[in-house]
Amino acid sequence: MKRFDAEQVARRLTSRLRIRHLALLLRIQEYGSLTRVAEAMATSQPAVTKALLELEDIFGAQLFERSVRGMAPTALGRLAIARAEAIIHDLEHLARDMEAGLSGYAAHLHIGVVPFVSGKLLSAAIRRSFPEGGKRLTVTIHEGPSDQLLQQLRDHTLDLVVGQASAEADTRELAFEVLYSQQPRLIASRRLAAQLTRHKLDWRRLNDLDWILGAPQTSIRDQVSALFLGAGLTPPAPIVESHSSKLIGEMIVDSDSAVSIVPADIADELVRVAGVAIVPYRFSWSLPPVALFSRAEGRKREAEAMFGRALHQVCRQTASYPLP
C-alpha cells in the first residue's frame, strides 16, 4: 500500500487548487449528477467531467462514487466538501468585512443565538464591542435551535454561537466559555399570577392550565415534563409550542388561563415589555448554563475576541446568575 505523503498533497493543494474547484465540489454534492451540474453552471458535461478529474488528481484519490442513483461522496470527498463549505463561507465573510470596513466599521460578525437568551444582554454586548480606534462592529444575528447553530459554526456559516452548554450539545471541533446560569420562572397574566400566589405550588392545579412551551426535547420542555411525571401526572399538552418570547408574552398577558416557564432573565424582560407577572414559585432544578461557543481550530479573529470580552463583561455586571 502506497504511503500517504501529507506534505506532497499539501503542495498540490496550495499550488493547483482553485476556488472554482471548491464550487464544483459543492455543486456535485448538491445535484448528484454531472449533467445537472453542467446545466446549473451553464457549461458542458465533458467540461465538468474534466474539471472533476483534475480535482481528483490534485487530491490523489477518488472523491465521488458513481452509480445509477447518481454520485455520492467518498469518505475523502465528505472531508473535502466540509472544508470547501468552510472556505466559501469564509470568503463570504471576508466580503462582509470589506463592506463593513469601507463603511467605517471594524468588521462584520455572524452570531448564532439560541432561543431564550436575553436580547437586552446581547444588545449591551454589541454596543460595548469597540476595537482600537473606536470603530464599531456590524453584526448579523441568526436565531435557531442549538444543534443547527453549532453545525453552522463548524462549517463557518457562523463566527460565534451564544447557546446552552448542555450534556446533549454536540461540541466536536468547538470550544466554549460558560457565561452565566439560568433559573426557571413561571409566568402568567397579572390576575392569574395573583390567584396562583395565594396557594402553594400544586402541579395538579397547574396541569389544568393552558401551557405555552418550547419544542419537544428542549431543556425547559424536558424539565417541565419530568416535574409533572414526578408528581404522578401526565405532562400537559401545550396549546402553543414556540420559542418566541414576544409571542409567549402576548398570549399570556391576554389570557387568565395561560402559563409558561422561561428563564429568569427572559421573564424579567416580559414583565417590562409585555406586562406579564412572575409567579413566585421556586423550582428544584436549573437550566443548562449559557455559553459562548467558538471553533477550536485556528486563530480567533480580533472581532470575535472583542465581542467575547464585551459579552463576558456584560454578563458579570447584568446577568441574574453570573458565573466567575
C-alpha atoms as a PDB file:
ATOM      1  CA  MET A   1       0.000   0.000   0.000  1.00  0.00           C
ATOM      2  CA  LYS A   2       1.348   3.386  -1.021  1.00  0.00           C
ATOM      3  CA  ARG A   3       2.225   5.601   1.948  1.00  0.00           C
ATOM      4  CA  PHE A   4       0.236   8.826   2.185  1.00  0.00           C
ATOM      5  CA  ASP A   5       2.528  11.841   1.827  1.00  0.00           C
ATOM      6  CA  ALA A   6       0.762  14.758   3.527  1.00  0.00           C
ATOM      7  CA  GLU A   7       3.425  17.299   2.542  1.00  0.00           C
ATOM      8  CA  GLN A   8       3.195  16.344  -1.117  1.00  0.00           C
ATOM      9  CA  VAL A   9      -0.598  16.582  -1.082  1.00  0.00           C
ATOM     10  CA  ALA A  10      -0.392  19.959   0.686  1.00  0.00           C
ATOM     11  CA  ARG A  11       1.936  21.247  -2.045  1.00  0.00           C
ATOM     12  CA  ARG A  12      -0.511  20.137  -4.740  1.00  0.00           C
ATOM     13  CA  LEU A  13      -3.415  21.758  -2.932  1.00  0.00           C
ATOM     14  CA  THR A  14      -1.663  25.097  -2.436  1.00  0.00           C
ATOM     15  CA  SER A  15      -0.255  25.255  -5.976  1.00  0.00           C
ATOM     16  CA  ARG A  16      -3.141  23.841  -8.026  1.00  0.00           C
ATOM     17  CA  LEU A  17      -6.412  24.088  -6.093  1.00  0.00           C
ATOM     18  CA  ARG A  18      -8.680  26.937  -7.184  1.00  0.00           C
ATOM     19  CA  ILE A  19     -11.934  28.411  -5.861  1.00  0.00           C
ATOM     20  CA  ARG A  20     -13.737  27.038  -8.933  1.00  0.00           C
ATOM     21  CA  HIS A  21     -12.743  23.549  -7.776  1.00  0.00           C
ATOM     22  CA  LEU A  22     -14.384  24.144  -4.417  1.00  0.00           C
ATOM     23  CA  ALA A  23     -17.533  25.464  -6.088  1.00  0.00           C
ATOM     24  CA  LEU A  24     -17.602  22.336  -8.260  1.00  0.00           C
ATOM     25  CA  LEU A  25     -17.388  20.100  -5.185  1.00  0.00           C
ATOM     26  CA  LEU A  26     -20.385  21.808  -3.646  1.00  0.00           C
ATOM     27  CA  ARG A  27     -22.396  21.679  -6.877  1.00  0.00           C
ATOM     28  CA  ILE A  28     -21.806  17.928  -7.280  1.00  0.00           C
ATOM     29  CA  GLN A  29     -22.799  17.405  -3.639  1.00  0.00           C
ATOM     30  CA  GLU A  30     -25.961  19.438  -4.256  1.00  0.00           C
ATOM     31  CA  TYR A  31     -27.095  17.902  -7.552  1.00  0.00           C
ATOM     32  CA  GLY A  32     -25.552  14.409  -7.502  1.00  0.00           C
ATOM     33  CA  SER A  33     -25.256  14.388 -11.285  1.00  0.00           C
ATOM     34  CA  LEU A  34     -22.655  15.853 -13.630  1.00  0.00           C
ATOM     35  CA  THR A  35     -25.377  16.529 -16.215  1.00  0.00           C
ATOM     36  CA  ARG A  36     -27.370  18.608 -13.745  1.00  0.00           C
ATOM     37  CA  VAL A  37     -24.192  20.345 -12.553  1.00  0.00           C
ATOM     38  CA  ALA A  38     -23.352  21.266 -16.147  1.00  0.00           C
ATOM     39  CA  GLU A  39     -26.852  22.700 -16.638  1.00  0.00           C
ATOM     40  CA  ALA A  40     -26.618  24.716 -13.406  1.00  0.00           C
ATOM     41  CA  MET A  41     -23.191  26.063 -14.354  1.00  0.00           C
ATOM     42  CA  ALA A  42     -24.214  26.743 -17.990  1.00  0.00           C
ATOM     43  CA  THR A  43     -21.396  24.591 -19.364  1.00  0.00           C
ATOM     44  CA  SER A  44     -20.971  21.174 -20.983  1.00  0.00           C
ATOM     45  CA  GLN A  45     -20.845  17.830 -19.208  1.00  0.00           C
ATOM     46  CA  PRO A  46     -17.411  16.992 -20.716  1.00  0.00           C
ATOM     47  CA  ALA A  47     -16.064  20.250 -19.221  1.00  0.00           C
ATOM     48  CA  VAL A  48     -17.456  19.335 -15.789  1.00  0.00           C
ATOM     49  CA  THR A  49     -16.075  15.793 -16.066  1.00  0.00           C
ATOM     50  CA  LYS A  50     -12.640  17.154 -16.983  1.00  0.00           C
ATOM     51  CA  ALA A  51     -12.706  19.566 -14.026  1.00  0.00           C
ATOM     52  CA  LEU A  52     -13.643  16.747 -11.642  1.00  0.00           C
ATOM     53  CA  LEU A  53     -10.827  14.522 -12.945  1.00  0.00           C
ATOM     54  CA  GLU A  54      -8.423  17.426 -12.446  1.00  0.00           C
ATOM     55  CA  LEU A  55      -9.726  17.886  -8.913  1.00  0.00           C
ATOM     56  CA  GLU A  56      -9.327  14.207  -8.057  1.00  0.00           C
ATOM     57  CA  ASP A  57      -5.813  14.299  -9.480  1.00  0.00           C
ATOM     58  CA  ILE A  58      -4.980  17.179  -7.130  1.00  0.00           C
ATOM     59  CA  PHE A  59      -6.259  15.188  -4.153  1.00  0.00           C
ATOM     60  CA  GLY A  60      -4.685  11.990  -5.458  1.00  0.00           C
ATOM     61  CA  ALA A  61      -7.829   9.952  -4.781  1.00  0.00           C
ATOM     62  CA  GLN A  62     -11.434   9.477  -5.848  1.00  0.00           C
ATOM     63  CA  LEU A  63     -13.846  11.998  -4.331  1.00  0.00           C
ATOM     64  CA  PHE A  64     -17.183  10.625  -5.573  1.00  0.00           C
ATOM     65  CA  GLU A  65     -18.645   7.172  -6.144  1.00  0.00           C
ATOM     66  CA  ARG A  66     -20.555   6.854  -9.431  1.00  0.00           C
ATOM     67  CA  SER A  67     -23.708   4.690  -9.589  1.00  0.00           C
ATOM     68  CA  VAL A  68     -27.056   4.525 -11.368  1.00  0.00           C
ATOM     69  CA  ARG A  69     -28.535   6.503  -8.446  1.00  0.00           C
ATOM     70  CA  GLY A  70     -26.103   9.352  -9.026  1.00  0.00           C
ATOM     71  CA  MET A  71     -22.890  10.473  -7.375  1.00  0.00           C
ATOM     72  CA  ALA A  72     -22.169  10.160  -3.669  1.00  0.00           C
ATOM     73  CA  PRO A  73     -19.037  11.490  -1.943  1.00  0.00           C
ATOM     74  CA  THR A  74     -16.418   9.082  -0.683  1.00  0.00           C
ATOM     75  CA  ALA A  75     -15.050   9.458   2.835  1.00  0.00           C
ATOM     76  CA  LEU A  76     -12.347  11.764   1.452  1.00  0.00           C
ATOM     77  CA  GLY A  77     -14.972  13.568  -0.593  1.00  0.00           C
ATOM     78  CA  ARG A  78     -17.003  14.323   2.525  1.00  0.00           C
ATOM     79  CA  LEU A  79     -13.913  15.783   4.194  1.00  0.00           C
ATOM     80  CA  ALA A  80     -13.168  17.897   1.126  1.00  0.00           C
ATOM     81  CA  ILE A  81     -16.779  19.122   0.906  1.00  0.00           C
ATOM     82  CA  ALA A  82     -16.789  20.163   4.573  1.00  0.00           C
ATOM     83  CA  ARG A  83     -13.580  22.175   4.080  1.00  0.00           C
ATOM     84  CA  ALA A  84     -14.887  23.638   0.818  1.00  0.00           C
ATOM     85  CA  GLU A  85     -18.045  24.860   2.571  1.00  0.00           C
ATOM     86  CA  ALA A  86     -15.919  26.468   5.289  1.00  0.00           C
ATOM     87  CA  ILE A  87     -13.646  28.203   2.767  1.00  0.00           C
ATOM     88  CA  ILE A  88     -16.573  29.515   0.694  1.00  0.00           C
ATOM     89  CA  HIS A  89     -18.277  30.820   3.837  1.00  0.00           C
ATOM     90  CA  ASP A  90     -15.023  32.462   4.933  1.00  0.00           C
ATOM     91  CA  LEU A  91     -14.829  34.251   1.583  1.00  0.00           C
ATOM     92  CA  GLU A  92     -18.416  35.452   2.002  1.00  0.00           C
ATOM     93  CA  HIS A  93     -17.500  36.731   5.461  1.00  0.00           C
ATOM     94  CA  LEU A  94     -14.438  38.459   4.014  1.00  0.00           C
ATOM     95  CA  ALA A  95     -16.734  40.317   1.604  1.00  0.00           C
ATOM     96  CA  ARG A  96     -18.930  41.438   4.531  1.00  0.00           C
ATOM     97  CA  ASP A  97     -15.814  42.528   6.460  1.00  0.00           C
ATOM     98  CA  MET A  98     -14.708  44.561   3.436  1.00  0.00           C
ATOM     99  CA  GLU A  99     -18.159  46.149   3.195  1.00  0.00           C
ATOM    100  CA  ALA A 100     -18.043  46.992   6.904  1.00  0.00           C
ATOM    101  CA  GLY A 101     -14.519  48.432   6.603  1.00  0.00           C
ATOM    102  CA  LEU A 102     -15.421  50.624   3.643  1.00  0.00           C
ATOM    103  CA  SER A 103     -18.411  51.912   5.644  1.00  0.00           C
ATOM    104  CA  GLY A 104     -16.218  52.916   8.572  1.00  0.00           C
ATOM    105  CA  TYR A 105     -16.752  49.860  10.781  1.00  0.00           C
ATOM    106  CA  ALA A 106     -14.192  47.397  12.123  1.00  0.00           C
ATOM    107  CA  ALA A 107     -15.591  44.090  10.856  1.00  0.00           C
ATOM    108  CA  HIS A 108     -18.780  42.072  10.486  1.00  0.00           C
ATOM    109  CA  LEU A 109     -19.760  39.148  12.727  1.00  0.00           C
ATOM    110  CA  HIS A 110     -22.323  36.390  12.185  1.00  0.00           C
ATOM    111  CA  ILE A 111     -23.556  35.337  15.637  1.00  0.00           C
ATOM    112  CA  GLY A 112     -25.925  32.451  16.287  1.00  0.00           C
ATOM    113  CA  VAL A 113     -28.266  32.779  19.258  1.00  0.00           C
ATOM    114  CA  VAL A 114     -30.494  30.063  20.709  1.00  0.00           C
ATOM    115  CA  PRO A 115     -33.996  30.955  21.939  1.00  0.00           C
ATOM    116  CA  PHE A 116     -34.417  32.461  25.393  1.00  0.00           C
ATOM    117  CA  VAL A 117     -31.163  34.410  25.518  1.00  0.00           C
ATOM    118  CA  SER A 118     -31.740  37.959  26.703  1.00  0.00           C
ATOM    119  CA  GLY A 119     -31.902  40.486  23.876  1.00  0.00           C
ATOM    120  CA  LYS A 120     -31.013  43.232  26.339  1.00  0.00           C
ATOM    121  CA  LEU A 121     -27.810  41.401  27.258  1.00  0.00           C
ATOM    122  CA  LEU A 122     -26.844  40.827  23.615  1.00  0.00           C
ATOM    123  CA  SER A 123     -27.503  44.437  22.599  1.00  0.00           C
ATOM    124  CA  ALA A 124     -25.370  45.687  25.504  1.00  0.00           C
ATOM    125  CA  ALA A 125     -22.511  43.390  24.445  1.00  0.00           C
ATOM    126  CA  ILE A 126     -22.711  44.589  20.838  1.00  0.00           C
ATOM    127  CA  ARG A 127     -22.611  48.235  21.938  1.00  0.00           C
ATOM    128  CA  ARG A 128     -19.513  47.542  24.043  1.00  0.00           C
ATOM    129  CA  SER A 129     -17.607  45.836  21.213  1.00  0.00           C
ATOM    130  CA  PHE A 130     -15.259  48.682  20.335  1.00  0.00           C
ATOM    131  CA  PRO A 131     -11.854  47.863  18.814  1.00  0.00           C
ATOM    132  CA  GLU A 132      -8.828  50.130  18.790  1.00  0.00           C
ATOM    133  CA  GLY A 133      -9.615  53.406  17.064  1.00  0.00           C
ATOM    134  CA  GLY A 134     -13.224  53.392  18.199  1.00  0.00           C
ATOM    135  CA  LYS A 135     -14.686  51.635  15.143  1.00  0.00           C
ATOM    136  CA  ARG A 136     -17.697  49.507  15.942  1.00  0.00           C
ATOM    137  CA  LEU A 137     -18.676  46.086  14.667  1.00  0.00           C
ATOM    138  CA  THR A 138     -21.623  45.290  12.445  1.00  0.00           C
ATOM    139  CA  VAL A 139     -23.460  42.100  13.364  1.00  0.00           C
ATOM    140  CA  THR A 140     -25.956  39.684  11.840  1.00  0.00           C
ATOM    141  CA  ILE A 141     -27.900  37.660  14.423  1.00  0.00           C
ATOM    142  CA  HIS A 142     -29.040  34.176  13.388  1.00  0.00           C
ATOM    143  CA  GLU A 143     -31.629  32.529  15.646  1.00  0.00           C
ATOM    144  CA  GLY A 144     -32.298  28.807  15.767  1.00  0.00           C
ATOM    145  CA  PRO A 145     -32.027  25.566  17.726  1.00  0.00           C
ATOM    146  CA  SER A 146     -28.700  24.701  19.316  1.00  0.00           C
ATOM    147  CA  ASP A 147     -27.795  21.697  17.146  1.00  0.00           C
ATOM    148  CA  GLN A 148     -28.404  23.664  13.938  1.00  0.00           C
ATOM    149  CA  LEU A 149     -26.395  26.680  15.083  1.00  0.00           C
ATOM    150  CA  LEU A 150     -23.433  24.608  16.305  1.00  0.00           C
ATOM    151  CA  GLN A 151     -23.271  22.813  12.954  1.00  0.00           C
ATOM    152  CA  GLN A 152     -23.291  26.197  11.189  1.00  0.00           C
ATOM    153  CA  LEU A 153     -20.445  27.252  13.476  1.00  0.00           C
ATOM    154  CA  ARG A 154     -18.460  24.184  12.431  1.00  0.00           C
ATOM    155  CA  ASP A 155     -18.986  24.840   8.706  1.00  0.00           C
ATOM    156  CA  HIS A 156     -18.054  28.545   9.153  1.00  0.00           C
ATOM    157  CA  THR A 157     -21.521  29.917   8.348  1.00  0.00           C
ATOM    158  CA  LEU A 158     -21.366  31.488  11.818  1.00  0.00           C
ATOM    159  CA  ASP A 159     -18.467  33.066  13.682  1.00  0.00           C
ATOM    160  CA  LEU A 160     -19.781  32.533  17.229  1.00  0.00           C
ATOM    161  CA  VAL A 161     -22.785  30.970  18.944  1.00  0.00           C
ATOM    162  CA  VAL A 162     -24.429  32.014  22.206  1.00  0.00           C
ATOM    163  CA  GLY A 163     -26.174  28.878  23.415  1.00  0.00           C
ATOM    164  CA  GLN A 164     -26.703  26.451  26.256  1.00  0.00           C
ATOM    165  CA  ALA A 165     -23.820  24.220  27.358  1.00  0.00           C
ATOM    166  CA  SER A 166     -25.871  21.075  27.891  1.00  0.00           C
ATOM    167  CA  ALA A 167     -24.641  17.493  28.056  1.00  0.00           C
ATOM    168  CA  GLU A 168     -26.528  16.799  24.822  1.00  0.00           C
ATOM    169  CA  ALA A 169     -24.771  19.555  22.843  1.00  0.00           C
ATOM    170  CA  ASP A 170     -22.504  18.308  20.052  1.00  0.00           C
ATOM    171  CA  THR A 171     -19.274  20.187  20.782  1.00  0.00           C
ATOM    172  CA  ARG A 172     -16.987  18.355  18.339  1.00  0.00           C
ATOM    173  CA  GLU A 173     -14.311  20.752  16.995  1.00  0.00           C
ATOM    174  CA  LEU A 174     -15.693  23.515  19.218  1.00  0.00           C
ATOM    175  CA  ALA A 175     -14.579  25.385  22.324  1.00  0.00           C
ATOM    176  CA  PHE A 176     -16.887  27.120  24.770  1.00  0.00           C
ATOM    177  CA  GLU A 177     -16.766  29.520  27.714  1.00  0.00           C
ATOM    178  CA  VAL A 178     -19.591  29.480  30.266  1.00  0.00           C
ATOM    179  CA  LEU A 179     -21.182  32.927  30.728  1.00  0.00           C
ATOM    180  CA  TYR A 180     -23.999  32.626  33.277  1.00  0.00           C
ATOM    181  CA  SER A 181     -26.569  30.203  34.648  1.00  0.00           C
ATOM    182  CA  GLN A 182     -30.323  30.416  34.134  1.00  0.00           C
ATOM    183  CA  GLN A 183     -33.099  29.733  36.635  1.00  0.00           C
ATOM    184  CA  PRO A 184     -36.670  28.866  35.554  1.00  0.00           C
ATOM    185  CA  ARG A 185     -39.608  31.150  36.265  1.00  0.00           C
ATOM    186  CA  LEU A 186     -43.347  30.558  35.922  1.00  0.00           C
ATOM    187  CA  ILE A 187     -45.086  33.468  34.189  1.00  0.00           C
ATOM    188  CA  ALA A 188     -48.797  34.290  33.860  1.00  0.00           C
ATOM    189  CA  SER A 189     -51.107  37.259  33.468  1.00  0.00           C
ATOM    190  CA  ARG A 190     -51.209  39.525  36.500  1.00  0.00           C
ATOM    191  CA  ARG A 191     -54.665  38.316  37.527  1.00  0.00           C
ATOM    192  CA  LEU A 192     -53.774  34.624  37.208  1.00  0.00           C
ATOM    193  CA  ALA A 193     -50.426  35.171  38.944  1.00  0.00           C
ATOM    194  CA  ALA A 194     -52.237  36.781  41.893  1.00  0.00           C
ATOM    195  CA  GLN A 195     -54.540  33.759  42.136  1.00  0.00           C
ATOM    196  CA  LEU A 196     -51.680  31.238  41.972  1.00  0.00           C
ATOM    197  CA  THR A 197     -49.614  33.156  44.524  1.00  0.00           C
ATOM    198  CA  ARG A 198     -52.316  32.601  47.156  1.00  0.00           C
ATOM    199  CA  HIS A 199     -51.607  28.856  47.020  1.00  0.00           C
ATOM    200  CA  LYS A 200     -48.550  26.656  47.390  1.00  0.00           C
ATOM    201  CA  LEU A 201     -47.066  25.102  44.285  1.00  0.00           C
ATOM    202  CA  ASP A 202     -49.626  22.499  43.159  1.00  0.00           C
ATOM    203  CA  TRP A 203     -48.785  20.584  39.986  1.00  0.00           C
ATOM    204  CA  ARG A 204     -52.339  19.260  39.693  1.00  0.00           C
ATOM    205  CA  ARG A 205     -53.698  22.825  39.645  1.00  0.00           C
ATOM    206  CA  LEU A 206     -51.044  23.849  37.105  1.00  0.00           C
ATOM    207  CA  ASN A 207     -51.872  20.831  34.947  1.00  0.00           C
ATOM    208  CA  ASP A 208     -55.359  22.251  34.321  1.00  0.00           C
ATOM    209  CA  LEU A 209     -53.990  25.488  32.839  1.00  0.00           C
ATOM    210  CA  ASP A 210     -53.137  26.295  29.210  1.00  0.00           C
ATOM    211  CA  TRP A 211     -49.399  25.813  28.725  1.00  0.00           C
ATOM    212  CA  ILE A 212     -47.211  27.560  26.194  1.00  0.00           C
ATOM    213  CA  LEU A 213     -43.920  25.686  25.849  1.00  0.00           C
ATOM    214  CA  GLY A 214     -40.925  25.273  23.599  1.00  0.00           C
ATOM    215  CA  ALA A 215     -40.488  22.384  21.195  1.00  0.00           C
ATOM    216  CA  PRO A 216     -40.081  18.796  22.492  1.00  0.00           C
ATOM    217  CA  GLN A 217     -36.584  17.655  23.513  1.00  0.00           C
ATOM    218  CA  THR A 218     -35.508  21.094  24.688  1.00  0.00           C
ATOM    219  CA  SER A 219     -34.164  21.699  28.191  1.00  0.00           C
ATOM    220  CA  ILE A 220     -37.198  23.522  29.621  1.00  0.00           C
ATOM    221  CA  ARG A 221     -39.719  21.186  27.958  1.00  0.00           C
ATOM    222  CA  ASP A 222     -37.952  18.073  29.271  1.00  0.00           C
ATOM    223  CA  GLN A 223     -37.712  19.501  32.787  1.00  0.00           C
ATOM    224  CA  VAL A 224     -41.374  20.520  32.873  1.00  0.00           C
ATOM    225  CA  SER A 225     -42.407  17.043  31.716  1.00  0.00           C
ATOM    226  CA  ALA A 226     -40.196  15.451  34.383  1.00  0.00           C
ATOM    227  CA  LEU A 227     -41.777  17.573  37.127  1.00  0.00           C
ATOM    228  CA  PHE A 228     -45.318  16.578  36.166  1.00  0.00           C
ATOM    229  CA  LEU A 229     -44.314  12.919  35.881  1.00  0.00           C
ATOM    230  CA  GLY A 230     -42.663  13.144  39.293  1.00  0.00           C
ATOM    231  CA  ALA A 231     -45.969  14.402  40.696  1.00  0.00           C
ATOM    232  CA  GLY A 232     -47.736  11.389  39.190  1.00  0.00           C
ATOM    233  CA  LEU A 233     -49.363  13.416  36.421  1.00  0.00           C
ATOM    234  CA  THR A 234     -49.306  13.244  32.644  1.00  0.00           C
ATOM    235  CA  PRO A 235     -47.435  16.306  31.332  1.00  0.00           C
ATOM    236  CA  PRO A 236     -49.793  18.867  29.786  1.00  0.00           C
ATOM    237  CA  ALA A 237     -50.090  19.117  26.034  1.00  0.00           C
ATOM    238  CA  PRO A 238     -49.214  22.733  25.195  1.00  0.00           C
ATOM    239  CA  ILE A 239     -51.768  24.831  23.358  1.00  0.00           C
ATOM    240  CA  VAL A 240     -48.868  26.565  21.596  1.00  0.00           C
ATOM    241  CA  GLU A 241     -45.259  25.485  21.030  1.00  0.00           C
ATOM    242  CA  SER A 242     -42.969  28.458  20.461  1.00  0.00           C
ATOM    243  CA  HIS A 243     -39.548  29.830  21.332  1.00  0.00           C
ATOM    244  CA  SER A 244     -40.661  33.386  20.545  1.00  0.00           C
ATOM    245  CA  SER A 245     -40.623  35.279  23.832  1.00  0.00           C
ATOM    246  CA  LYS A 246     -42.669  38.041  22.192  1.00  0.00           C
ATOM    247  CA  LEU A 247     -45.433  35.595  21.217  1.00  0.00           C
ATOM    248  CA  ILE A 248     -45.356  33.933  24.633  1.00  0.00           C
ATOM    249  CA  GLY A 249     -45.704  37.298  26.354  1.00  0.00           C
ATOM    250  CA  GLU A 250     -48.577  38.437  24.131  1.00  0.00           C
ATOM    251  CA  MET A 251     -50.533  35.206  24.588  1.00  0.00           C
ATOM    252  CA  ILE A 252     -50.075  35.114  28.337  1.00  0.00           C
ATOM    253  CA  VAL A 253     -50.903  38.747  29.084  1.00  0.00           C
ATOM    254  CA  ASP A 254     -54.248  38.378  27.251  1.00  0.00           C
ATOM    255  CA  SER A 255     -55.281  35.141  28.991  1.00  0.00           C
ATOM    256  CA  ASP A 256     -56.341  34.257  32.520  1.00  0.00           C
ATOM    257  CA  SER A 257     -55.574  30.574  31.964  1.00  0.00           C
ATOM    258  CA  ALA A 258     -52.224  30.538  30.127  1.00  0.00           C
ATOM    259  CA  VAL A 259     -48.828  29.955  31.751  1.00  0.00           C
ATOM    260  CA  SER A 260     -45.280  29.263  30.643  1.00  0.00           C
ATOM    261  CA  ILE A 261     -41.886  28.565  32.173  1.00  0.00           C
ATOM    262  CA  VAL A 262     -38.993  30.632  30.803  1.00  0.00           C
ATOM    263  CA  PRO A 263     -35.515  31.585  32.055  1.00  0.00           C
ATOM    264  CA  ALA A 264     -35.473  34.267  34.756  1.00  0.00           C
ATOM    265  CA  ASP A 265     -33.864  36.947  32.565  1.00  0.00           C
ATOM    266  CA  ILE A 266     -36.463  36.392  29.833  1.00  0.00           C
ATOM    267  CA  ALA A 267     -39.233  36.530  32.449  1.00  0.00           C
ATOM    268  CA  ASP A 268     -37.873  39.881  33.657  1.00  0.00           C
ATOM    269  CA  GLU A 269     -37.910  41.214  30.081  1.00  0.00           C
ATOM    270  CA  LEU A 270     -41.504  40.058  29.558  1.00  0.00           C
ATOM    271  CA  VAL A 271     -42.573  41.756  32.788  1.00  0.00           C
ATOM    272  CA  ARG A 272     -41.109  45.009  31.475  1.00  0.00           C
ATOM    273  CA  VAL A 273     -42.103  44.722  27.813  1.00  0.00           C
ATOM    274  CA  ALA A 274     -45.323  42.670  27.747  1.00  0.00           C
ATOM    275  CA  GLY A 275     -46.751  43.239  31.206  1.00  0.00           C
ATOM    276  CA  VAL A 276     -46.818  39.608  32.371  1.00  0.00           C
ATOM    277  CA  ALA A 277     -46.238  38.672  36.020  1.00  0.00           C
ATOM    278  CA  ILE A 278     -43.856  36.198  37.630  1.00  0.00           C
ATOM    279  CA  VAL A 279     -45.421  33.652  39.981  1.00  0.00           C
ATOM    280  CA  PRO A 280     -43.034  33.435  42.981  1.00  0.00           C
ATOM    281  CA  TYR A 281     -42.579  29.680  42.921  1.00  0.00           C
ATOM    282  CA  ARG A 282     -39.090  28.193  43.174  1.00  0.00           C
ATOM    283  CA  PHE A 283     -38.272  25.036  41.255  1.00  0.00           C
ATOM    284  CA  SER A 284     -35.765  22.392  42.284  1.00  0.00           C
ATOM    285  CA  TRP A 285     -33.839  22.465  39.006  1.00  0.00           C
ATOM    286  CA  SER A 286     -31.672  24.764  36.933  1.00  0.00           C
ATOM    287  CA  LEU A 287     -31.338  25.195  33.200  1.00  0.00           C
ATOM    288  CA  PRO A 288     -28.020  24.465  31.455  1.00  0.00           C
ATOM    289  CA  PRO A 289     -25.678  27.476  31.638  1.00  0.00           C
ATOM    290  CA  VAL A 290     -25.438  29.894  28.734  1.00  0.00           C
ATOM    291  CA  ALA A 291     -22.063  29.726  26.983  1.00  0.00           C
ATOM    292  CA  LEU A 292     -20.181  31.368  24.129  1.00  0.00           C
ATOM    293  CA  PHE A 293     -19.146  28.771  21.527  1.00  0.00           C
ATOM    294  CA  SER A 294     -16.331  29.215  19.003  1.00  0.00           C
ATOM    295  CA  ARG A 295     -14.338  26.949  16.709  1.00  0.00           C
ATOM    296  CA  ALA A 296     -11.494  25.193  18.482  1.00  0.00           C
ATOM    297  CA  GLU A 297      -9.191  25.274  15.464  1.00  0.00           C
ATOM    298  CA  GLY A 298      -7.407  28.272  14.043  1.00  0.00           C
ATOM    299  CA  ARG A 299      -6.717  31.710  15.399  1.00  0.00           C
ATOM    300  CA  LYS A 300      -9.684  33.704  16.673  1.00  0.00           C
ATOM    301  CA  ARG A 301     -10.329  36.948  14.784  1.00  0.00           C
ATOM    302  CA  GLU A 302      -9.928  40.144  16.768  1.00  0.00           C
ATOM    303  CA  ALA A 303     -13.584  41.000  16.149  1.00  0.00           C
ATOM    304  CA  GLU A 304     -14.637  37.690  17.726  1.00  0.00           C
ATOM    305  CA  ALA A 305     -12.338  38.267  20.704  1.00  0.00           C
ATOM    306  CA  MET A 306     -13.738  41.797  21.160  1.00  0.00           C
ATOM    307  CA  PHE A 307     -17.311  40.588  21.213  1.00  0.00           C
ATOM    308  CA  GLY A 308     -16.377  37.759  23.594  1.00  0.00           C
ATOM    309  CA  ARG A 309     -14.750  40.174  26.046  1.00  0.00           C
ATOM    310  CA  ALA A 310     -17.708  42.538  25.890  1.00  0.00           C
ATOM    311  CA  LEU A 311     -20.189  39.704  26.417  1.00  0.00           C
ATOM    312  CA  HIS A 312     -18.254  38.445  29.452  1.00  0.00           C
ATOM    313  CA  GLN A 313     -18.225  41.943  30.958  1.00  0.00           C
ATOM    314  CA  VAL A 314     -21.953  42.446  30.440  1.00  0.00           C
ATOM    315  CA  CYS A 315     -22.773  39.027  31.887  1.00  0.00           C
ATOM    316  CA  ARG A 316     -20.712  39.694  35.013  1.00  0.00           C
ATOM    317  CA  GLN A 317     -22.488  43.015  35.535  1.00  0.00           C
ATOM    318  CA  THR A 318     -26.065  42.341  34.468  1.00  0.00           C
ATOM    319  CA  ALA A 319     -26.823  38.598  34.296  1.00  0.00           C
ATOM    320  CA  SER A 320     -29.143  37.350  37.037  1.00  0.00           C
ATOM    321  CA  TYR A 321     -26.862  34.423  37.858  1.00  0.00           C
ATOM    322  CA  PRO A 322     -23.345  35.308  36.629  1.00  0.00           C
ATOM    323  CA  LEU A 323     -20.545  32.782  36.902  1.00  0.00           C
ATOM    324  CA  PRO A 324     -16.988  33.775  37.947  1.00  0.00           C
END
